[in-house]
C-alpha atoms as a PDB file:
ATOM      1  CA  MET A   1      16.973-123.446   5.598  1.00  0.00           C
ATOM      2  CA  PRO A   2      18.202-125.373   2.574  1.00  0.00           C
ATOM      3  CA  LEU A   3      15.948-128.201   1.425  1.00  0.00           C
ATOM      4  CA  ALA A   4      18.306-129.565  -1.239  1.00  0.00           C
ATOM      5  CA  THR A   5      21.740-128.790  -2.626  1.00  0.00           C
ATOM      6  CA  CYS A   6      23.523-129.100  -5.920  1.00  0.00           C
ATOM      7  CA  ILE A   7      27.072-128.166  -6.817  1.00  0.00           C
ATOM      8  CA  THR A   8      28.142-126.754 -10.172  1.00  0.00           C
ATOM      9  CA  PRO A   9      31.382-125.622 -11.772  1.00  0.00           C
ATOM     10  CA  ALA A  10      32.280-121.963 -11.390  1.00  0.00           C
ATOM     11  CA  LYS A  11      31.563-121.236 -15.057  1.00  0.00           C
ATOM     12  CA  GLY A  12      28.249-123.090 -15.089  1.00  0.00           C
ATOM     13  CA  ASP A  13      24.871-121.527 -15.756  1.00  0.00           C
ATOM     14  CA  GLU A  14      22.823-121.346 -12.567  1.00  0.00           C
ATOM     15  CA  ARG A  15      19.512-121.078 -14.409  1.00  0.00           C
ATOM     16  CA  ALA A  16      20.026-124.547 -15.862  1.00  0.00           C
ATOM     17  CA  GLN A  17      20.274-126.002 -12.332  1.00  0.00           C
ATOM     18  CA  VAL A  18      16.943-124.715 -11.012  1.00  0.00           C
ATOM     19  CA  ILE A  19      14.770-127.535 -12.367  1.00  0.00           C
ATOM     20  CA  PRO A  20      17.084-130.408 -11.221  1.00  0.00           C
ATOM     21  CA  LEU A  21      17.286-128.749  -7.810  1.00  0.00           C
ATOM     22  CA  LEU A  22      13.497-128.524  -7.605  1.00  0.00           C
ATOM     23  CA  ASP A  23      13.284-132.214  -8.546  1.00  0.00           C
ATOM     24  CA  ALA A  24      15.525-133.033  -5.564  1.00  0.00           C
ATOM     25  CA  VAL A  25      13.178-131.312  -3.086  1.00  0.00           C
ATOM     26  CA  GLN A  26      10.713-133.463  -1.167  1.00  0.00           C
ATOM     27  CA  VAL A  27       8.429-131.581   1.185  1.00  0.00           C
ATOM     28  CA  ARG A  28       7.264-133.748   4.071  1.00  0.00           C
ATOM     29  CA  THR A  29       3.995-132.552   5.552  1.00  0.00           C
ATOM     30  CA  GLY A  30       3.459-135.249   8.173  1.00  0.00           C
ATOM     31  CA  THR A  31       0.191-136.397   6.634  1.00  0.00           C
ATOM     32  CA  ARG A  32      -0.621-139.687   4.979  1.00  0.00           C
ATOM     33  CA  GLY A  33      -0.315-140.164   1.255  1.00  0.00           C
ATOM     34  CA  ARG A  34       2.145-139.197  -1.397  1.00  0.00           C
ATOM     35  CA  PRO A  35       4.750-136.640  -0.232  1.00  0.00           C
ATOM     36  CA  ARG A  36       4.351-133.221  -1.815  1.00  0.00           C
ATOM     37  CA  LYS A  37       7.210-132.455  -4.206  1.00  0.00           C
ATOM     38  CA  ARG A  38       6.004-129.160  -5.553  1.00  0.00           C
ATOM     39  CA  LEU A  39       6.647-125.806  -3.963  1.00  0.00           C
ATOM     40  CA  HIS A  40       4.062-123.055  -4.235  1.00  0.00           C
ATOM     41  CA  VAL A  41       6.441-120.105  -4.675  1.00  0.00           C
ATOM     42  CA  ILE A  42      10.089-119.726  -5.618  1.00  0.00           C
ATOM     43  CA  VAL A  43      11.942-116.492  -4.888  1.00  0.00           C
ATOM     44  CA  THR A  44      15.163-115.691  -6.712  1.00  0.00           C
ATOM     45  CA  ASP A  45      17.231-112.685  -7.666  1.00  0.00           C
ATOM     46  CA  LYS A  46      17.542-110.882 -11.002  1.00  0.00           C
ATOM     47  CA  GLY A  47      20.115-113.351 -12.326  1.00  0.00           C
ATOM     48  CA  TYR A  48      17.398-115.954 -12.868  1.00  0.00           C
ATOM     49  CA  ASP A  49      15.192-113.723 -15.026  1.00  0.00           C
ATOM     50  CA  ALA A  50      14.611-115.753 -18.209  1.00  0.00           C
ATOM     51  CA  LYS A  51      11.467-116.497 -20.185  1.00  0.00           C
ATOM     52  CA  ALA A  52      12.302-120.187 -20.523  1.00  0.00           C
ATOM     53  CA  LEU A  53      12.724-120.621 -16.767  1.00  0.00           C
ATOM     54  CA  ARG A  54       9.502-118.748 -16.048  1.00  0.00           C
ATOM     55  CA  GLN A  55       7.658-120.978 -18.529  1.00  0.00           C
ATOM     56  CA  GLN A  56       9.055-124.177 -16.986  1.00  0.00           C
ATOM     57  CA  LEU A  57       8.045-123.041 -13.514  1.00  0.00           C
ATOM     58  CA  ARG A  58       4.581-122.061 -14.754  1.00  0.00           C
ATOM     59  CA  THR A  59       4.011-125.524 -16.293  1.00  0.00           C
ATOM     60  CA  ARG A  60       4.918-127.070 -12.929  1.00  0.00           C
ATOM     61  CA  GLY A  61       2.427-124.834 -11.141  1.00  0.00           C
ATOM     62  CA  ILE A  62       5.078-122.855  -9.247  1.00  0.00           C
ATOM     63  CA  ARG A  63       4.663-119.100  -8.896  1.00  0.00           C
ATOM     64  CA  ALA A  64       7.965-117.365  -9.648  1.00  0.00           C
ATOM     65  CA  GLN A  65       8.872-114.197  -7.797  1.00  0.00           C
ATOM     66  CA  ILE A  66      11.757-113.096  -9.976  1.00  0.00           C
ATOM     67  CA  PRO A  67      12.432-109.372 -10.314  1.00  0.00           C
ATOM     68  CA  LYS A  68      12.824-108.105 -13.855  1.00  0.00           C
ATOM     69  CA  ARG A  69      16.200-106.933 -15.063  1.00  0.00           C
ATOM     70  CA  VAL A  70      16.483-103.165 -15.132  1.00  0.00           C
ATOM     71  CA  TRP A  71      17.925-102.865 -18.642  1.00  0.00           C
ATOM     72  CA  ARG A  72      14.499-103.452 -20.155  1.00  0.00           C
ATOM     73  CA  SER A  73      13.088-100.155 -21.359  1.00  0.00           C
ATOM     74  CA  LYS A  74       9.398-101.100 -21.653  1.00  0.00           C
ATOM     75  CA  PRO A  75       7.086-100.073 -18.822  1.00  0.00           C
ATOM     76  CA  ARG A  76       6.000-102.988 -16.678  1.00  0.00           C
ATOM     77  CA  ARG A  77       2.547-104.376 -17.359  1.00  0.00           C
ATOM     78  CA  GLY A  78       0.205-105.906 -14.849  1.00  0.00           C
ATOM     79  CA  ARG A  79       0.500-106.054 -11.109  1.00  0.00           C
ATOM     80  CA  PRO A  80       3.833-105.401  -9.414  1.00  0.00           C
ATOM     81  CA  ILE A  81       5.679-108.352  -7.887  1.00  0.00           C
ATOM     82  CA  LYS A  82       4.875-108.746  -4.208  1.00  0.00           C
ATOM     83  CA  ARG A  83       7.944-108.821  -1.993  1.00  0.00           C
ATOM     84  CA  ASP A  84       6.364-110.813   0.815  1.00  0.00           C
ATOM     85  CA  MET A  85       8.819-113.715   0.571  1.00  0.00           C
ATOM     86  CA  PRO A  86      12.161-112.928   2.240  1.00  0.00           C
ATOM     87  CA  ARG A  87      15.070-113.200  -0.164  1.00  0.00           C
ATOM     88  CA  PHE A  88      17.644-112.654   2.582  1.00  0.00           C
ATOM     89  CA  GLN A  89      17.449-116.323   3.605  1.00  0.00           C
ATOM     90  CA  ALA A  90      19.915-117.456   0.935  1.00  0.00           C
ATOM     91  CA  GLU A  91      22.382-114.743   1.858  1.00  0.00           C
ATOM     92  CA  ARG A  92      21.933-115.592   5.545  1.00  0.00           C
ATOM     93  CA  THR A  93      22.801-119.223   4.779  1.00  0.00           C
ATOM     94  CA  PHE A  94      25.976-118.184   2.961  1.00  0.00           C
ATOM     95  CA  ALA A  95      26.898-115.892   5.871  1.00  0.00           C
ATOM     96  CA  TRP A  96      26.358-118.774   8.298  1.00  0.00           C
ATOM     97  CA  PHE A  97      28.604-120.981   6.160  1.00  0.00           C
ATOM     98  CA  GLN A  98      31.217-118.204   6.120  1.00  0.00           C
ATOM     99  CA  LYS A  99      31.135-117.971   9.903  1.00  0.00           C
ATOM    100  CA  LYS A 100      31.080-121.644  10.868  1.00  0.00           C
ATOM    101  CA  TYR A 101      32.287-123.550   7.799  1.00  0.00           C
ATOM    102  CA  ARG A 102      34.731-121.295   6.020  1.00  0.00           C
ATOM    103  CA  ARG A 103      36.148-124.135   3.964  1.00  0.00           C
ATOM    104  CA  LEU A 104      32.799-124.411   2.130  1.00  0.00           C
ATOM    105  CA  VAL A 105      32.923-120.793   0.982  1.00  0.00           C
ATOM    106  CA  VAL A 106      36.628-120.837   0.130  1.00  0.00           C
ATOM    107  CA  ARG A 107      36.234-124.262  -1.543  1.00  0.00           C
ATOM    108  CA  TRP A 108      39.384-125.903  -0.278  1.00  0.00           C
ATOM    109  CA  GLU A 109      38.119-129.347  -1.229  1.00  0.00           C
ATOM    110  CA  ARG A 110      39.269-130.417  -4.679  1.00  0.00           C
ATOM    111  CA  LEU A 111      37.071-133.481  -5.044  1.00  0.00           C
ATOM    112  CA  ALA A 112      33.354-132.988  -5.533  1.00  0.00           C
ATOM    113  CA  VAL A 113      32.586-136.001  -3.337  1.00  0.00           C
ATOM    114  CA  CYS A 114      34.459-134.499  -0.371  1.00  0.00           C
ATOM    115  CA  PHE A 115      32.777-131.140  -0.909  1.00  0.00           C
ATOM    116  CA  LYS A 116      29.301-132.749  -1.021  1.00  0.00           C
ATOM    117  CA  ALA A 117      30.034-134.696   2.166  1.00  0.00           C
ATOM    118  CA  PHE A 118      31.200-131.591   3.992  1.00  0.00           C
ATOM    119  CA  LEU A 119      28.168-129.666   2.714  1.00  0.00           C
ATOM    120  CA  ALA A 120      25.884-132.427   4.026  1.00  0.00           C
ATOM    121  CA  ILE A 121      27.553-132.242   7.450  1.00  0.00           C
ATOM    122  CA  ALA A 122      27.098-128.467   7.512  1.00  0.00           C
ATOM    123  CA  MET A 123      23.416-128.748   6.561  1.00  0.00           C
ATOM    124  CA  ILE A 124      22.784-131.414   9.213  1.00  0.00           C
ATOM    125  CA  HIS A 125      24.456-129.169  11.791  1.00  0.00           C
ATOM    126  CA  MET A 126      22.313-126.241  10.621  1.00  0.00           C
ATOM    127  CA  TRP A 127      19.071-128.225  10.954  1.00  0.00           C
ATOM    128  CA  ILE A 128      20.057-129.558  14.405  1.00  0.00           C
ATOM    129  CA  GLN A 129      20.832-126.028  15.587  1.00  0.00           C
ATOM    130  CA  ARG A 130      17.480-124.888  14.229  1.00  0.00           C
ATOM    131  CA  PHE A 131      15.523-127.536  16.137  1.00  0.00           C
ATOM    132  CA  ILE A 132      17.471-127.313  19.414  1.00  0.00           C
ATOM    133  CA  VAL A 133      17.748-123.531  19.691  1.00  0.00           C
ATOM    134  CA  GLY A 134      14.334-122.883  18.224  1.00  0.00           C
END
C-alpha cells in the first residue's frame, strides 16, 4: 500500500526522488508522542543501485535492500542480501491501477494538479478497499 506519492517528468531521475519521497512519509503507530517518520527498511530494484543513495539512506538509519547491478565483475563481499521483503508490492499496485484506474497508467491528464488529484482518489479508494475487504 502506498504511503506517499510523488510525480516526476518522464525523463527525470528516479533516484533523486527517493529522499523527498521518504520525507513525505509519516508512519502513525497509534501511540503517544512524536510520530515516527523513519522507515526501518527500504526495498527497491536494481535501478536504484547508487553509492550516494546508499550513503544517504545509511545516514538516516534506513537499511537498504537494493540488489547490485550485474555488470559489476568483482565478487560480492560480505553477507548476501536477504530477500525477505516482498518487492512485488509495487508491481501489484501498478497492476491494480491498470485494472481500475487506467487513466493513471496511460497518463491522459495533462495538468499535474489533475493527475495528483486523481492519484489521491485512487489511493483513498485503495485504502478503503483494504480496510473493508480485509
